[in-house]
N, C-alpha and C. Protein backbone atom coordinates (compact mmCIF):
# COMPACT_ATOMS: atom_id res chain seq x y z
N MET A 1 72.51 141.86 131.35
CA MET A 1 73.20 142.72 130.39
C MET A 1 72.52 142.57 129.04
N HIS A 2 72.24 143.68 128.40
CA HIS A 2 71.52 143.70 127.13
C HIS A 2 72.51 144.07 126.00
N HIS A 3 72.51 143.28 124.89
CA HIS A 3 73.41 143.56 123.77
C HIS A 3 72.69 144.39 122.73
N ASP A 4 73.39 145.36 122.20
CA ASP A 4 72.84 146.18 121.13
C ASP A 4 72.94 145.39 119.83
N PRO A 5 71.80 145.00 119.19
CA PRO A 5 71.84 144.18 117.98
C PRO A 5 72.46 144.88 116.78
N THR A 6 72.75 146.15 116.87
CA THR A 6 73.39 146.84 115.75
C THR A 6 74.89 147.04 115.95
N SER A 7 75.40 146.62 117.10
CA SER A 7 76.83 146.81 117.34
C SER A 7 77.65 145.85 116.48
N PRO A 8 78.84 146.27 116.05
CA PRO A 8 79.69 145.39 115.24
C PRO A 8 80.03 144.09 115.95
N VAL A 9 80.20 144.12 117.26
CA VAL A 9 80.53 142.91 118.00
C VAL A 9 79.39 141.92 117.90
N PHE A 10 78.17 142.38 118.06
CA PHE A 10 77.01 141.50 117.97
C PHE A 10 76.89 140.93 116.56
N LEU A 11 77.08 141.78 115.55
CA LEU A 11 76.96 141.32 114.18
C LEU A 11 78.04 140.28 113.85
N CYS A 12 79.25 140.50 114.34
CA CYS A 12 80.32 139.53 114.10
C CYS A 12 80.03 138.21 114.79
N SER A 13 79.48 138.29 115.98
CA SER A 13 79.23 137.05 116.71
C SER A 13 78.13 136.24 116.05
N LYS A 14 77.29 136.85 115.27
CA LYS A 14 76.22 136.14 114.57
C LYS A 14 76.77 135.31 113.41
N ARG A 15 77.95 135.70 112.90
CA ARG A 15 78.63 134.97 111.83
C ARG A 15 77.77 134.81 110.58
N ARG A 16 76.92 135.77 110.32
CA ARG A 16 76.11 135.69 109.11
C ARG A 16 76.87 136.38 107.99
N ALA A 17 76.99 135.70 106.85
CA ALA A 17 77.79 136.21 105.74
C ALA A 17 77.30 137.58 105.29
N SER A 18 76.00 137.78 105.27
CA SER A 18 75.47 139.06 104.79
C SER A 18 75.86 140.21 105.72
N LEU A 19 76.17 139.91 106.96
CA LEU A 19 76.52 140.95 107.91
C LEU A 19 78.02 141.07 108.14
N MET A 20 78.78 140.13 107.60
CA MET A 20 80.22 140.14 107.85
C MET A 20 80.87 141.39 107.28
N SER A 21 80.28 141.99 106.26
CA SER A 21 80.88 143.20 105.71
C SER A 21 80.85 144.34 106.71
N THR A 22 79.96 144.24 107.71
CA THR A 22 79.91 145.24 108.76
C THR A 22 81.14 145.15 109.64
N CYS A 23 81.71 143.96 109.75
CA CYS A 23 82.90 143.75 110.57
C CYS A 23 84.14 144.06 109.75
N ASP A 24 85.17 144.46 110.43
CA ASP A 24 86.42 144.72 109.73
C ASP A 24 87.30 143.47 109.67
N VAL A 25 86.81 142.35 110.17
CA VAL A 25 87.58 141.12 110.20
C VAL A 25 87.06 140.18 109.12
N PRO A 26 87.80 140.03 108.00
CA PRO A 26 87.33 139.12 106.95
C PRO A 26 87.47 137.67 107.41
N PRO A 27 86.59 136.81 106.91
CA PRO A 27 86.71 135.40 107.29
C PRO A 27 87.99 134.82 106.70
N PRO A 28 88.63 133.89 107.38
CA PRO A 28 89.86 133.30 106.85
C PRO A 28 89.56 132.54 105.56
N GLN A 29 90.43 132.68 104.58
CA GLN A 29 90.27 132.01 103.31
C GLN A 29 91.13 130.75 103.21
N ASN A 30 92.04 130.58 104.14
CA ASN A 30 93.03 129.53 104.05
C ASN A 30 93.15 128.86 105.43
N PHE A 31 92.78 127.58 105.51
CA PHE A 31 92.82 126.89 106.80
C PHE A 31 94.20 126.95 107.45
N ALA A 32 95.24 126.95 106.64
CA ALA A 32 96.60 126.94 107.18
C ALA A 32 96.96 128.26 107.88
N GLU A 33 96.20 129.31 107.60
CA GLU A 33 96.45 130.58 108.27
C GLU A 33 95.92 130.59 109.70
N THR A 34 94.93 129.74 109.97
CA THR A 34 94.30 129.78 111.30
C THR A 34 94.63 128.56 112.16
N LEU A 35 94.94 127.44 111.53
CA LEU A 35 95.23 126.22 112.30
C LEU A 35 96.70 126.18 112.72
N PRO A 36 96.99 125.49 113.81
CA PRO A 36 98.41 125.26 114.14
C PRO A 36 99.07 124.46 113.01
N THR A 37 100.34 124.68 112.82
CA THR A 37 101.08 124.00 111.75
C THR A 37 100.92 122.49 111.82
N GLU A 38 100.92 121.93 113.03
CA GLU A 38 100.79 120.47 113.19
C GLU A 38 99.47 119.97 112.61
N MET A 39 98.40 120.75 112.76
CA MET A 39 97.11 120.34 112.21
C MET A 39 97.12 120.41 110.68
N SER A 40 97.73 121.45 110.15
CA SER A 40 97.85 121.56 108.69
C SER A 40 98.66 120.40 108.15
N GLU A 41 99.73 120.02 108.85
CA GLU A 41 100.54 118.87 108.43
C GLU A 41 99.70 117.60 108.41
N ARG A 42 98.84 117.43 109.39
CA ARG A 42 97.98 116.23 109.43
C ARG A 42 97.02 116.22 108.26
N ILE A 43 96.48 117.39 107.92
CA ILE A 43 95.58 117.48 106.77
C ILE A 43 96.34 117.14 105.49
N PHE A 44 97.50 117.74 105.30
CA PHE A 44 98.30 117.45 104.11
C PHE A 44 98.73 115.98 104.08
N GLY A 45 98.92 115.40 105.25
CA GLY A 45 99.32 114.00 105.33
C GLY A 45 98.26 113.03 104.82
N GLU A 46 97.03 113.49 104.70
CA GLU A 46 95.94 112.65 104.17
C GLU A 46 95.93 112.59 102.65
N LEU A 47 96.71 113.44 102.01
CA LEU A 47 96.72 113.49 100.55
C LEU A 47 97.61 112.40 99.96
N ASP A 48 97.28 111.98 98.74
CA ASP A 48 98.18 111.08 98.03
C ASP A 48 99.35 111.92 97.50
N THR A 49 100.36 111.26 97.01
CA THR A 49 101.60 111.94 96.63
C THR A 49 101.37 113.01 95.56
N GLU A 50 100.61 112.68 94.53
CA GLU A 50 100.39 113.66 93.46
C GLU A 50 99.61 114.86 93.96
N SER A 51 98.59 114.62 94.79
CA SER A 51 97.80 115.73 95.35
C SER A 51 98.66 116.58 96.28
N LEU A 52 99.54 115.95 97.03
CA LEU A 52 100.43 116.68 97.92
C LEU A 52 101.34 117.62 97.12
N CYS A 53 101.87 117.13 96.03
CA CYS A 53 102.73 117.97 95.19
C CYS A 53 101.94 119.12 94.58
N SER A 54 100.70 118.87 94.19
CA SER A 54 99.84 119.95 93.67
C SER A 54 99.54 120.97 94.76
N ALA A 55 99.27 120.49 95.97
CA ALA A 55 98.98 121.39 97.09
C ALA A 55 100.18 122.29 97.37
N ALA A 56 101.37 121.75 97.23
CA ALA A 56 102.58 122.54 97.49
C ALA A 56 102.74 123.69 96.50
N LEU A 57 102.05 123.59 95.36
CA LEU A 57 102.11 124.65 94.35
C LEU A 57 101.00 125.68 94.52
N THR A 58 100.09 125.44 95.46
CA THR A 58 98.91 126.29 95.62
C THR A 58 99.25 127.68 96.12
N CYS A 59 100.00 127.75 97.19
CA CYS A 59 100.38 129.06 97.73
C CYS A 59 101.66 128.90 98.54
N ARG A 60 102.29 130.00 98.85
CA ARG A 60 103.57 129.99 99.55
C ARG A 60 103.47 129.33 100.92
N LEU A 61 102.39 129.62 101.66
CA LEU A 61 102.22 129.06 103.00
C LEU A 61 102.12 127.54 102.94
N TRP A 62 101.28 127.03 102.04
CA TRP A 62 101.14 125.57 101.91
C TRP A 62 102.48 124.96 101.51
N HIS A 63 103.15 125.59 100.56
CA HIS A 63 104.46 125.09 100.12
C HIS A 63 105.42 124.98 101.30
N ASP A 64 105.48 126.03 102.10
CA ASP A 64 106.42 126.04 103.22
C ASP A 64 106.08 124.97 104.25
N ILE A 65 104.79 124.80 104.55
CA ILE A 65 104.38 123.78 105.53
C ILE A 65 104.74 122.39 105.02
N ILE A 66 104.41 122.12 103.76
CA ILE A 66 104.67 120.80 103.18
C ILE A 66 106.17 120.56 103.07
N GLU A 67 106.88 121.53 102.55
CA GLU A 67 108.33 121.40 102.33
C GLU A 67 109.08 121.10 103.63
N GLU A 68 108.66 121.72 104.72
CA GLU A 68 109.39 121.61 105.98
C GLU A 68 108.92 120.47 106.87
N SER A 69 107.90 119.73 106.46
CA SER A 69 107.34 118.70 107.32
C SER A 69 107.96 117.33 107.05
N GLU A 70 108.81 116.90 107.95
CA GLU A 70 109.38 115.55 107.84
C GLU A 70 108.28 114.49 107.93
N GLN A 71 107.27 114.74 108.76
CA GLN A 71 106.19 113.76 108.96
C GLN A 71 105.41 113.51 107.67
N VAL A 72 105.10 114.56 106.94
CA VAL A 72 104.36 114.41 105.68
C VAL A 72 105.15 113.54 104.71
N TRP A 73 106.44 113.83 104.57
CA TRP A 73 107.27 113.07 103.63
C TRP A 73 107.51 111.65 104.13
N ARG A 74 107.64 111.47 105.43
CA ARG A 74 107.82 110.13 106.00
C ARG A 74 106.59 109.27 105.71
N ASP A 75 105.40 109.84 105.89
CA ASP A 75 104.17 109.10 105.62
C ASP A 75 104.07 108.70 104.15
N GLN A 76 104.44 109.61 103.25
CA GLN A 76 104.41 109.29 101.83
C GLN A 76 105.43 108.19 101.51
N CYS A 77 106.59 108.26 102.14
CA CYS A 77 107.63 107.25 101.92
C CYS A 77 107.19 105.87 102.39
N SER A 78 106.38 105.82 103.42
CA SER A 78 105.94 104.51 103.91
C SER A 78 105.11 103.80 102.85
N LEU A 79 104.38 104.55 102.03
CA LEU A 79 103.60 103.94 100.94
C LEU A 79 104.52 103.42 99.84
N VAL A 80 105.55 104.19 99.53
CA VAL A 80 106.53 103.77 98.52
C VAL A 80 107.32 102.58 99.05
N ARG A 81 107.64 102.60 100.33
CA ARG A 81 108.42 101.52 100.94
C ARG A 81 107.69 100.18 100.88
N ALA A 82 106.36 100.22 100.88
CA ALA A 82 105.59 98.98 100.79
C ALA A 82 105.92 98.22 99.50
N VAL A 83 106.36 98.93 98.47
CA VAL A 83 106.69 98.31 97.19
C VAL A 83 108.20 98.26 96.98
N CYS A 84 108.91 99.26 97.43
CA CYS A 84 110.36 99.37 97.21
C CYS A 84 111.11 99.44 98.53
N GLN A 85 110.97 98.44 99.36
CA GLN A 85 111.58 98.46 100.69
C GLN A 85 113.09 98.57 100.64
N ARG A 86 113.73 97.75 99.81
CA ARG A 86 115.20 97.77 99.73
C ARG A 86 115.72 99.16 99.36
N GLU A 87 115.10 99.75 98.36
CA GLU A 87 115.57 101.04 97.87
C GLU A 87 115.38 102.14 98.91
N VAL A 88 114.20 102.18 99.53
CA VAL A 88 113.92 103.21 100.54
C VAL A 88 114.85 103.04 101.74
N ASP A 89 114.99 101.80 102.22
CA ASP A 89 115.86 101.56 103.37
C ASP A 89 117.31 101.93 103.05
N SER A 90 117.76 101.61 101.86
CA SER A 90 119.13 101.94 101.45
C SER A 90 119.33 103.46 101.40
N ASP A 91 118.38 104.16 100.81
CA ASP A 91 118.50 105.62 100.72
C ASP A 91 118.50 106.27 102.10
N ARG A 92 117.68 105.75 103.00
CA ARG A 92 117.64 106.30 104.36
C ARG A 92 118.95 106.02 105.09
N ARG A 93 119.51 104.81 104.90
CA ARG A 93 120.81 104.49 105.51
C ARG A 93 121.91 105.42 104.97
N ASP A 94 121.76 105.81 103.70
CA ASP A 94 122.74 106.71 103.09
C ASP A 94 122.54 108.16 103.53
N GLY A 95 121.55 108.41 104.37
CA GLY A 95 121.35 109.75 104.92
C GLY A 95 120.45 110.67 104.11
N LEU A 96 119.77 110.14 103.11
CA LEU A 96 118.88 110.99 102.32
C LEU A 96 117.65 111.36 103.15
N SER A 97 117.13 112.55 102.93
CA SER A 97 115.92 112.99 103.64
C SER A 97 114.72 112.18 103.15
N TRP A 98 113.62 112.26 103.91
CA TRP A 98 112.41 111.56 103.50
C TRP A 98 111.92 112.07 102.15
N LYS A 99 112.00 113.38 101.95
CA LYS A 99 111.52 113.95 100.69
C LYS A 99 112.38 113.47 99.52
N VAL A 100 113.68 113.54 99.65
CA VAL A 100 114.57 113.11 98.57
C VAL A 100 114.36 111.62 98.29
N THR A 101 114.19 110.83 99.34
CA THR A 101 113.94 109.40 99.18
C THR A 101 112.65 109.16 98.41
N LEU A 102 111.63 109.92 98.73
CA LEU A 102 110.35 109.77 98.02
C LEU A 102 110.50 110.15 96.56
N VAL A 103 111.09 111.30 96.30
CA VAL A 103 111.25 111.76 94.92
C VAL A 103 112.05 110.74 94.11
N LYS A 104 113.08 110.20 94.71
CA LYS A 104 113.95 109.24 94.02
C LYS A 104 113.23 107.93 93.71
N ASN A 105 112.31 107.51 94.58
CA ASN A 105 111.72 106.18 94.44
C ASN A 105 110.26 106.14 94.02
N TYR A 106 109.60 107.28 93.91
CA TYR A 106 108.17 107.29 93.62
C TYR A 106 107.84 106.65 92.27
N THR A 107 108.50 107.10 91.20
CA THR A 107 108.22 106.56 89.87
C THR A 107 108.55 105.08 89.82
N ARG A 108 109.65 104.70 90.43
CA ARG A 108 110.05 103.29 90.48
C ARG A 108 108.97 102.45 91.17
N SER A 109 108.43 102.96 92.27
CA SER A 109 107.42 102.20 93.01
C SER A 109 106.13 102.05 92.20
N CYS A 110 105.74 103.09 91.47
CA CYS A 110 104.54 103.00 90.62
C CYS A 110 104.74 101.96 89.52
N LEU A 111 105.91 102.00 88.89
CA LEU A 111 106.21 101.05 87.82
C LEU A 111 106.27 99.62 88.36
N LYS A 112 106.97 99.44 89.46
CA LYS A 112 107.10 98.10 90.04
C LYS A 112 105.73 97.57 90.46
N ARG A 113 104.90 98.43 91.05
CA ARG A 113 103.55 98.01 91.46
C ARG A 113 102.74 97.54 90.25
N ASP A 114 102.85 98.28 89.14
CA ASP A 114 102.13 97.88 87.92
C ASP A 114 102.62 96.53 87.41
N TRP A 115 103.94 96.33 87.42
CA TRP A 115 104.49 95.04 86.98
C TRP A 115 103.99 93.91 87.88
N LEU A 116 104.05 94.13 89.20
CA LEU A 116 103.64 93.08 90.14
C LEU A 116 102.15 92.78 90.06
N ARG A 117 101.35 93.75 89.67
CA ARG A 117 99.90 93.53 89.54
C ARG A 117 99.53 92.91 88.20
N GLY A 118 100.52 92.76 87.32
CA GLY A 118 100.25 92.13 86.03
C GLY A 118 99.83 93.09 84.94
N ARG A 119 100.02 94.37 85.15
CA ARG A 119 99.60 95.36 84.16
C ARG A 119 100.29 95.15 82.82
N PHE A 120 101.49 94.61 82.83
CA PHE A 120 102.25 94.42 81.60
C PHE A 120 102.34 92.94 81.21
N SER A 121 101.51 92.11 81.78
CA SER A 121 101.57 90.67 81.52
C SER A 121 101.24 90.30 80.08
N HIS A 122 100.42 91.08 79.43
CA HIS A 122 99.96 90.71 78.09
C HIS A 122 100.29 91.77 77.04
N VAL A 123 101.40 92.45 77.22
CA VAL A 123 101.84 93.45 76.24
C VAL A 123 102.34 92.71 75.01
N ARG A 124 101.80 93.08 73.84
CA ARG A 124 102.18 92.39 72.60
C ARG A 124 103.19 93.18 71.77
N SER A 125 103.26 94.49 72.02
CA SER A 125 104.22 95.29 71.25
C SER A 125 104.63 96.52 72.06
N ALA A 126 105.73 97.10 71.63
CA ALA A 126 106.24 98.30 72.30
C ALA A 126 105.26 99.46 72.17
N GLU A 127 104.43 99.44 71.13
CA GLU A 127 103.43 100.50 70.94
C GLU A 127 102.48 100.61 72.13
N GLU A 128 102.19 99.49 72.76
CA GLU A 128 101.28 99.49 73.91
C GLU A 128 101.89 100.20 75.11
N LEU A 129 103.20 100.39 75.09
CA LEU A 129 103.89 101.05 76.20
C LEU A 129 104.23 102.51 75.88
N ARG A 130 103.84 102.96 74.68
CA ARG A 130 104.16 104.33 74.28
C ARG A 130 103.56 105.32 75.29
N GLY A 131 104.38 106.28 75.70
CA GLY A 131 103.95 107.28 76.66
C GLY A 131 104.06 106.84 78.11
N ARG A 132 104.41 105.60 78.32
CA ARG A 132 104.55 105.08 79.68
C ARG A 132 105.94 105.41 80.19
N LYS A 133 106.03 105.99 81.37
CA LYS A 133 107.32 106.34 81.96
C LYS A 133 107.96 105.08 82.54
N MET A 134 109.14 104.75 82.07
CA MET A 134 109.87 103.58 82.56
C MET A 134 111.11 104.06 83.30
N THR A 135 111.59 103.22 84.18
CA THR A 135 112.78 103.52 84.96
C THR A 135 113.55 102.22 85.16
N PRO A 136 114.87 102.29 85.28
CA PRO A 136 115.64 101.06 85.47
C PRO A 136 115.26 100.35 86.78
N LEU A 137 115.20 99.04 86.72
CA LEU A 137 114.93 98.21 87.90
C LEU A 137 116.10 97.25 88.07
N ASP A 138 116.44 96.93 89.32
CA ASP A 138 117.58 96.04 89.57
C ASP A 138 117.18 94.57 89.38
N ALA A 139 118.19 93.70 89.41
CA ALA A 139 117.98 92.27 89.17
C ALA A 139 117.03 91.65 90.19
N GLU A 140 117.13 92.06 91.45
CA GLU A 140 116.22 91.52 92.48
C GLU A 140 114.77 91.87 92.18
N THR A 141 114.55 93.09 91.73
CA THR A 141 113.19 93.52 91.39
C THR A 141 112.66 92.71 90.22
N TRP A 142 113.49 92.50 89.19
CA TRP A 142 113.05 91.70 88.05
C TRP A 142 112.76 90.26 88.49
N GLY A 143 113.53 89.77 89.47
CA GLY A 143 113.24 88.44 90.01
C GLY A 143 111.87 88.39 90.68
N GLU A 144 111.52 89.43 91.44
CA GLU A 144 110.20 89.50 92.07
C GLU A 144 109.10 89.54 91.01
N ILE A 145 109.33 90.32 89.96
CA ILE A 145 108.33 90.45 88.89
C ILE A 145 108.16 89.11 88.18
N LEU A 146 109.28 88.44 87.87
CA LEU A 146 109.20 87.13 87.22
C LEU A 146 108.43 86.14 88.09
N GLN A 147 108.70 86.14 89.39
CA GLN A 147 107.99 85.24 90.29
C GLN A 147 106.49 85.54 90.30
N ALA A 148 106.14 86.83 90.30
CA ALA A 148 104.72 87.21 90.28
C ALA A 148 104.07 86.73 88.99
N GLU A 149 104.79 86.83 87.87
CA GLU A 149 104.25 86.34 86.59
C GLU A 149 104.05 84.83 86.63
N LEU A 150 105.01 84.12 87.18
CA LEU A 150 104.89 82.66 87.26
C LEU A 150 103.75 82.23 88.18
N ASP A 151 103.48 83.04 89.20
CA ASP A 151 102.41 82.72 90.15
C ASP A 151 101.02 83.02 89.60
N ARG A 152 100.93 83.78 88.52
CA ARG A 152 99.60 84.12 87.96
C ARG A 152 98.97 82.95 87.28
C-alpha cells in the first residue's frame, strides 16, 4: 500500500510543526486535557504546596483536578504532618478534609520548622522579625522548641 505524501493523514502522522497547520487537529496545549485525571493528579502531586496553589490558579481544568483530588491534598498533608503531627491527627479525627487540614496547619508547620531548625535562635530584636508571619503555637510545641534550643 502506497501513502500519498500530500494527504492530510500523512502530514499529521509526520507530526512536523510546520505541517500541522495542514491538519485541522491542533496540538494539545494542556497536558490535563489529554491525560487521564489520575495521571494529572500524580503530576500535581509532585509539586510543593506553594506551587500546587499557583497551579490551581492557572486554569479552570487544573483548579478542578487539584480541588477534587483527595490524594494530592493527602500527600501535601503528610509533609505538614512530619512537623505538626498532633495538629494534623487531631484535625483528621475531627473530620476535617485533607485540604482544610493542610490550609489550617501549613503556616504553623513552616513556622515550627523554622523554630526547630534554629532560625530564630539569635534574634536580637523584634525588628529582625518584621514581615515574618507568626501564628500561635501550643505549650507542647514551645516545649519541643525549647528542647531543640537546649540541644544546640
